Amino acid sequence: MASDIRPYKLVVDRVFYVGGLGSDKRAEVVAAADYAASKPDMLCKHANAIVVRRCRLTPGRTRVDP
């Protein structure tokens, strides 16, 4: 490692979460412990297939940008 490069450890005390769609959207500050204890979105690994299917079901109303 070069002598002028120092590694840093990021210590998170809170995160600012922004999410949701339509009228269900929200933003809030989440404590680091709550964020660390949270579980990943169960639809995350299927998101692309869901969007593609949605676009096929409603042609002209939705689109997928690469």
PDB file of N, CA and C in Angstrom:
ATOM      1  N   MET A   1       0.852  -1.172   0.000  1.00  0.00           N
ATOM      2  CA  MET A   1       0.000   0.000   0.000  1.00  0.00           C
ATOM      3  C   MET A   1       0.897   1.234   0.000  1.00  0.00           C
ATOM      4  N   ALA A   2       0.551   2.200  -0.818  1.00  0.00           N
ATOM      5  CA  ALA A   2       1.334   3.431  -0.874  1.00  0.00           C
ATOM      6  C   ALA A   2       1.256   4.148   0.466  1.00  0.00           C
ATOM      7  N   SER A   3       2.323   4.849   0.796  1.00  0.00           N
ATOM      8  CA  SER A   3       2.387   5.497   2.106  1.00  0.00           C
ATOM      9  C   SER A   3       1.406   6.666   2.247  1.00  0.00           C
ATOM     10  N   ASP A   4       0.930   7.208   1.140  1.00  0.00           N
ATOM     11  CA  ASP A   4       0.002   8.337   1.231  1.00  0.00           C
ATOM     12  C   ASP A   4      -1.472   7.911   1.192  1.00  0.00           C
ATOM     13  N   ILE A   5      -1.724   6.612   1.205  1.00  0.00           N
ATOM     14  CA  ILE A   5      -3.095   6.109   1.197  1.00  0.00           C
ATOM     15  C   ILE A   5      -3.389   5.484   2.555  1.00  0.00           C
ATOM     16  N   ARG A   6      -4.470   5.946   3.174  1.00  0.00           N
ATOM     17  CA  ARG A   6      -4.852   5.408   4.483  1.00  0.00           C
ATOM     18  C   ARG A   6      -6.231   4.773   4.381  1.00  0.00           C
ATOM     19  N   PRO A   7      -6.391   3.563   4.891  1.00  0.00           N
ATOM     20  CA  PRO A   7      -7.729   2.966   4.905  1.00  0.00           C
ATOM     21  C   PRO A   7      -8.556   3.591   6.034  1.00  0.00           C
ATOM     22  N   TYR A   8      -9.842   3.699   5.797  1.00  0.00           N
ATOM     23  CA  TYR A   8     -10.767   4.217   6.794  1.00  0.00           C
ATOM     24  C   TYR A   8     -11.895   3.238   6.992  1.00  0.00           C
ATOM     25  N   LYS A   9     -12.396   3.176   8.202  1.00  0.00           N
ATOM     26  CA  LYS A   9     -13.557   2.364   8.499  1.00  0.00           C
ATOM     27  C   LYS A   9     -14.743   3.306   8.682  1.00  0.00           C
ATOM     28  N   LEU A  10     -15.794   3.064   7.920  1.00  0.00           N
ATOM     29  CA  LEU A  10     -17.000   3.874   8.018  1.00  0.00           C
ATOM     30  C   LEU A  10     -17.864   3.336   9.150  1.00  0.00           C
ATOM     31  N   VAL A  11     -18.138   4.172  10.120  1.00  0.00           N
ATOM     32  CA  VAL A  11     -18.993   3.811  11.241  1.00  0.00           C
ATOM     33  C   VAL A  11     -20.308   4.561  11.065  1.00  0.00           C
ATOM     34  N   VAL A  12     -21.374   3.813  10.841  1.00  0.00           N
ATOM     35  CA  VAL A  12     -22.680   4.412  10.567  1.00  0.00           C
ATOM     36  C   VAL A  12     -23.470   4.538  11.860  1.00  0.00           C
ATOM     37  N   ASP A  13     -23.980   5.745  12.121  1.00  0.00           N
ATOM     38  CA  ASP A  13     -24.831   5.907  13.306  1.00  0.00           C
ATOM     39  C   ASP A  13     -26.301   6.032  12.927  1.00  0.00           C
ATOM     40  N   ARG A  14     -26.556   6.401  11.656  1.00  0.00           N
ATOM     41  CA  ARG A  14     -27.933   6.448  11.155  1.00  0.00           C
ATOM     42  C   ARG A  14     -27.887   6.528   9.631  1.00  0.00           C
ATOM     43  N   VAL A  15     -28.996   6.158   9.006  1.00  0.00           N
ATOM     44  CA  VAL A  15     -29.119   6.249   7.554  1.00  0.00           C
ATOM     45  C   VAL A  15     -30.392   7.025   7.242  1.00  0.00           C
ATOM     46  N   PHE A  16     -30.409   7.647   6.075  1.00  0.00           N
ATOM     47  CA  PHE A  16     -31.601   8.358   5.616  1.00  0.00           C
ATOM     48  C   PHE A  16     -32.230   7.501   4.535  1.00  0.00           C
ATOM     49  N   TYR A  17     -33.365   6.913   4.833  1.00  0.00           N
ATOM     50  CA  TYR A  17     -34.057   5.997   3.935  1.00  0.00           C
ATOM     51  C   TYR A  17     -35.097   6.765   3.129  1.00  0.00           C
ATOM     52  N   VAL A  18     -35.083   6.564   1.812  1.00  0.00           N
ATOM     53  CA  VAL A  18     -36.099   7.138   0.930  1.00  0.00           C
ATOM     54  C   VAL A  18     -36.648   5.996   0.100  1.00  0.00           C
ATOM     55  N   GLY A  19     -37.946   5.769   0.131  1.00  0.00           N
ATOM     56  CA  GLY A  19     -38.507   4.661  -0.625  1.00  0.00           C
ATOM     57  C   GLY A  19     -40.007   4.759  -0.773  1.00  0.00           C
ATOM     58  N   GLY A  20     -40.541   3.794  -1.501  1.00  0.00           N
ATOM     59  CA  GLY A  20     -41.979   3.747  -1.727  1.00  0.00           C
ATOM     60  C   GLY A  20     -42.348   4.281  -3.090  1.00  0.00           C
ATOM     61  N   LEU A  21     -43.575   4.024  -3.473  1.00  0.00           N
ATOM     62  CA  LEU A  21     -44.087   4.473  -4.762  1.00  0.00           C
ATOM     63  C   LEU A  21     -45.422   5.165  -4.576  1.00  0.00           C
ATOM     64  N   GLY A  22     -45.733   6.101  -5.461  1.00  0.00           N
ATOM     65  CA  GLY A  22     -47.040   6.759  -5.429  1.00  0.00           C
ATOM     66  C   GLY A  22     -47.309   7.442  -4.110  1.00  0.00           C
ATOM     67  N   SER A  23     -48.495   7.236  -3.579  1.00  0.00           N
ATOM     68  CA  SER A  23     -48.871   7.894  -2.328  1.00  0.00           C
ATOM     69  C   SER A  23     -48.239   7.231  -1.112  1.00  0.00           C
ATOM     70  N   ASP A  24     -47.568   6.081  -1.319  1.00  0.00           N
ATOM     71  CA  ASP A  24     -46.935   5.360  -0.209  1.00  0.00           C
ATOM     72  C   ASP A  24     -45.474   5.765  -0.011  1.00  0.00           C
ATOM     73  N   LYS A  25     -44.982   6.765  -0.742  1.00  0.00           N
ATOM     74  CA  LYS A  25     -43.576   7.136  -0.620  1.00  0.00           C
ATOM     75  C   LYS A  25     -43.308   7.811   0.722  1.00  0.00           C
ATOM     76  N   ARG A  26     -42.077   7.645   1.188  1.00  0.00           N
ATOM     77  CA  ARG A  26     -41.707   8.250   2.462  1.00  0.00           C
ATOM     78  C   ARG A  26     -40.193   8.384   2.573  1.00  0.00           C
ATOM     79  N   ALA A  27     -39.785   9.194   3.497  1.00  0.00           N
ATOM     80  CA  ALA A  27     -38.371   9.369   3.814  1.00  0.00           C
ATOM     81  C   ALA A  27     -38.267   9.456   5.331  1.00  0.00           C
ATOM     82  N   GLU A  28     -37.261   8.810   5.877  1.00  0.00           N
ATOM     83  CA  GLU A  28     -37.101   8.837   7.327  1.00  0.00           C
ATOM     84  C   GLU A  28     -35.677   8.493   7.716  1.00  0.00           C
ATOM     85  N   VAL A  29     -35.296   8.927   8.897  1.00  0.00           N
ATOM     86  CA  VAL A  29     -33.995   8.587   9.458  1.00  0.00           C
ATOM     87  C   VAL A  29     -34.155   7.282  10.216  1.00  0.00           C
ATOM     88  N   VAL A  30     -33.231   6.345   9.970  1.00  0.00           N
ATOM     89  CA  VAL A  30     -33.270   5.027  10.600  1.00  0.00           C
ATOM     90  C   VAL A  30     -31.991   4.846  11.411  1.00  0.00           C
ATOM     91  N   ALA A  31     -32.119   4.405  12.649  1.00  0.00           N
ATOM     92  CA  ALA A  31     -30.945   4.161  13.493  1.00  0.00           C
ATOM     93  C   ALA A  31     -30.096   3.041  12.897  1.00  0.00           C
ATOM     94  N   ALA A  32     -28.796   3.124  13.091  1.00  0.00           N
ATOM     95  CA  ALA A  32     -27.878   2.131  12.535  1.00  0.00           C
ATOM     96  C   ALA A  32     -28.221   0.719  13.001  1.00  0.00           C
ATOM     97  N   ALA A  33     -28.597   0.570  14.256  1.00  0.00           N
ATOM     98  CA  ALA A  33     -28.928  -0.763  14.778  1.00  0.00           C
ATOM     99  C   ALA A  33     -30.166  -1.330  14.076  1.00  0.00           C
ATOM    100  N   ASP A  34     -31.148  -0.484  13.823  1.00  0.00           N
ATOM    101  CA  ASP A  34     -32.355  -0.931  13.117  1.00  0.00           C
ATOM    102  C   ASP A  34     -32.028  -1.296  11.672  1.00  0.00           C
ATOM    103  N   TYR A  35     -31.183  -0.495  11.043  1.00  0.00           N
ATOM    104  CA  TYR A  35     -30.784  -0.785   9.661  1.00  0.00           C
ATOM    105  C   TYR A  35     -30.008  -2.097   9.590  1.00  0.00           C
ATOM    106  N   ALA A  36     -29.086  -2.302  10.522  1.00  0.00           N
ATOM    107  CA  ALA A  36     -28.287  -3.530  10.545  1.00  0.00           C
ATOM    108  C   ALA A  36     -29.159  -4.757  10.795  1.00  0.00           C
ATOM    109  N   ALA A  37     -30.235  -4.595  11.555  1.00  0.00           N
ATOM    110  CA  ALA A  37     -31.116  -5.720  11.877  1.00  0.00           C
ATOM    111  C   ALA A  37     -32.153  -5.982  10.786  1.00  0.00           C
ATOM    112  N   SER A  38     -32.262  -5.086   9.817  1.00  0.00           N
ATOM    113  CA  SER A  38     -33.281  -5.247   8.779  1.00  0.00           C
ATOM    114  C   SER A  38     -32.913  -6.371   7.820  1.00  0.00           C
ATOM    115  N   LYS A  39     -33.927  -6.883   7.147  1.00  0.00           N
ATOM    116  CA  LYS A  39     -33.731  -7.965   6.185  1.00  0.00           C
ATOM    117  C   LYS A  39     -33.824  -7.383   4.779  1.00  0.00           C
ATOM    118  N   PRO A  40     -33.096  -7.972   3.829  1.00  0.00           N
ATOM    119  CA  PRO A  40     -33.169  -7.479   2.447  1.00  0.00           C
ATOM    120  C   PRO A  40     -34.576  -7.624   1.874  1.00  0.00           C
ATOM    121  N   ASP A  41     -34.864  -6.795   0.907  1.00  0.00           N
ATOM    122  CA  ASP A  41     -36.142  -6.851   0.203  1.00  0.00           C
ATOM    123  C   ASP A  41     -36.281  -8.215  -0.459  1.00  0.00           C
ATOM    124  N   MET A  42     -37.338  -8.944  -0.125  1.00  0.00           N
ATOM    125  CA  MET A  42     -37.498 -10.290  -0.664  1.00  0.00           C
ATOM    126  C   MET A  42     -37.785 -10.305  -2.163  1.00  0.00           C
ATOM    127  N   LEU A  43     -38.177  -9.171  -2.733  1.00  0.00           N
ATOM    128  CA  LEU A  43     -38.425  -9.105  -4.174  1.00  0.00           C
ATOM    129  C   LEU A  43     -37.206  -8.636  -4.959  1.00  0.00           C
ATOM    130  N   CYS A  44     -36.164  -8.236  -4.286  1.00  0.00           N
ATOM    131  CA  CYS A  44     -34.996  -7.665  -4.942  1.00  0.00           C
ATOM    132  C   CYS A  44     -34.439  -8.559  -6.050  1.00  0.00           C
ATOM    133  N   LYS A  45     -34.281  -9.834  -5.774  1.00  0.00           N
ATOM    134  CA  LYS A  45     -33.691 -10.719  -6.780  1.00  0.00           C
ATOM    135  C   LYS A  45     -34.639 -10.976  -7.953  1.00  0.00           C
ATOM    136  N   HIS A  46     -35.902 -10.617  -7.817  1.00  0.00           N
ATOM    137  CA  HIS A  46     -36.889 -10.817  -8.879  1.00  0.00           C
ATOM    138  C   HIS A  46     -37.319  -9.504  -9.539  1.00  0.00           C
ATOM    139  N   ALA A  47     -36.748  -8.377  -9.107  1.00  0.00           N
ATOM    140  CA  ALA A  47     -37.216  -7.063  -9.548  1.00  0.00           C
ATOM    141  C   ALA A  47     -37.187  -6.898 -11.065  1.00  0.00           C
ATOM    142  N   ASN A  48     -36.097  -7.287 -11.702  1.00  0.00           N
ATOM    143  CA  ASN A  48     -35.997  -7.109 -13.143  1.00  0.00           C
ATOM    144  C   ASN A  48     -37.091  -7.882 -13.877  1.00  0.00           C
ATOM    145  N   ALA A  49     -37.311  -9.128 -13.504  1.00  0.00           N
ATOM    146  CA  ALA A  49     -38.345  -9.944 -14.151  1.00  0.00           C
ATOM    147  C   ALA A  49     -39.734  -9.348 -13.919  1.00  0.00           C
ATOM    148  N   ILE A  50     -39.970  -8.792 -12.744  1.00  0.00           N
ATOM    149  CA  ILE A  50     -41.260  -8.175 -12.437  1.00  0.00           C
ATOM    150  C   ILE A  50     -41.488  -6.958 -13.337  1.00  0.00           C
ATOM    151  N   VAL A  51     -40.474  -6.125 -13.485  1.00  0.00           N
ATOM    152  CA  VAL A  51     -40.601  -4.932 -14.326  1.00  0.00           C
ATOM    153  C   VAL A  51     -40.822  -5.322 -15.780  1.00  0.00           C
ATOM    154  N   VAL A  52     -40.055  -6.283 -16.278  1.00  0.00           N
ATOM    155  CA  VAL A  52     -40.210  -6.720 -17.667  1.00  0.00           C
ATOM    156  C   VAL A  52     -41.617  -7.265 -17.892  1.00  0.00           C
ATOM    157  N   ARG A  53     -42.106  -8.088 -16.978  1.00  0.00           N
ATOM    158  CA  ARG A  53     -43.460  -8.649 -17.113  1.00  0.00           C
ATOM    159  C   ARG A  53     -44.498  -7.535 -17.090  1.00  0.00           C
ATOM    160  N   ARG A  54     -44.323  -6.591 -16.207  1.00  0.00           N
ATOM    161  CA  ARG A  54     -45.264  -5.467 -16.105  1.00  0.00           C
ATOM    162  C   ARG A  54     -45.299  -4.685 -17.420  1.00  0.00           C
ATOM    163  N   CYS A  55     -44.154  -4.478 -18.023  1.00  0.00           N
ATOM    164  CA  CYS A  55     -44.086  -3.741 -19.289  1.00  0.00           C
ATOM    165  C   CYS A  55     -44.775  -4.514 -20.410  1.00  0.00           C
ATOM    166  N   ARG A  56     -44.659  -5.823 -20.392  1.00  0.00           N
ATOM    167  CA  ARG A  56     -45.317  -6.632 -21.422  1.00  0.00           C
ATOM    168  C   ARG A  56     -46.830  -6.634 -21.247  1.00  0.00           C
ATOM    169  N   LEU A  57     -47.303  -6.555 -20.007  1.00  0.00           N
ATOM    170  CA  LEU A  57     -48.733  -6.579 -19.735  1.00  0.00           C
ATOM    171  C   LEU A  57     -49.404  -5.244 -20.045  1.00  0.00           C
ATOM    172  N   THR A  58     -48.646  -4.166 -20.019  1.00  0.00           N
ATOM    173  CA  THR A  58     -49.219  -2.841 -20.275  1.00  0.00           C
ATOM    174  C   THR A  58     -48.380  -2.117 -21.327  1.00  0.00           C
ATOM    175  N   PRO A  59     -48.343  -2.626 -22.548  1.00  0.00           N
ATOM    176  CA  PRO A  59     -47.537  -1.988 -23.583  1.00  0.00           C
ATOM    177  C   PRO A  59     -47.961  -0.544 -23.827  1.00  0.00           C
ATOM    178  N   GLY A  60     -46.964   0.304 -24.018  1.00  0.00           N
ATOM    179  CA  GLY A  60     -47.237   1.711 -24.263  1.00  0.00           C
ATOM    180  C   GLY A  60     -47.408   2.538 -23.008  1.00  0.00           C
ATOM    181  N   ARG A  61     -47.641   1.914 -21.887  1.00  0.00           N
ATOM    182  CA  ARG A  61     -47.842   2.653 -20.633  1.00  0.00           C
ATOM    183  C   ARG A  61     -46.606   2.645 -19.763  1.00  0.00           C
ATOM    184  N   THR A  62     -45.767   1.647 -19.921  1.00  0.00           N
ATOM    185  CA  THR A  62     -44.537   1.557 -19.138  1.00  0.00           C
ATOM    186  C   THR A  62     -43.397   1.192 -20.065  1.00  0.00           C
ATOM    187  N   ARG A  63     -42.177   1.447 -19.621  1.00  0.00           N
ATOM    188  CA  ARG A  63     -41.029   1.086 -20.437  1.00  0.00           C
ATOM    189  C   ARG A  63     -39.853   0.750 -19.539  1.00  0.00           C
ATOM    190  N   VAL A  64     -38.907   0.011 -20.081  1.00  0.00           N
ATOM    191  CA  VAL A  64     -37.694  -0.344 -19.354  1.00  0.00           C
ATOM    192  C   VAL A  64     -36.531   0.290 -20.097  1.00  0.00           C
ATOM    193  N   ASP A  65     -35.788   1.143 -19.417  1.00  0.00           N
ATOM    194  CA  ASP A  65     -34.582   1.718 -20.002  1.00  0.00           C
ATOM    195  C   ASP A  65     -33.401   0.847 -19.616  1.00  0.00           C
ATOM    196  N   PRO A  66     -32.513   0.579 -20.579  1.00  0.00           N
ATOM    197  CA  PRO A  66     -31.358  -0.269 -20.259  1.00  0.00           C
ATOM    198  C   PRO A  66     -30.427   0.396 -19.262  1.00  0.00           C
TER     199      PRO A  66
END
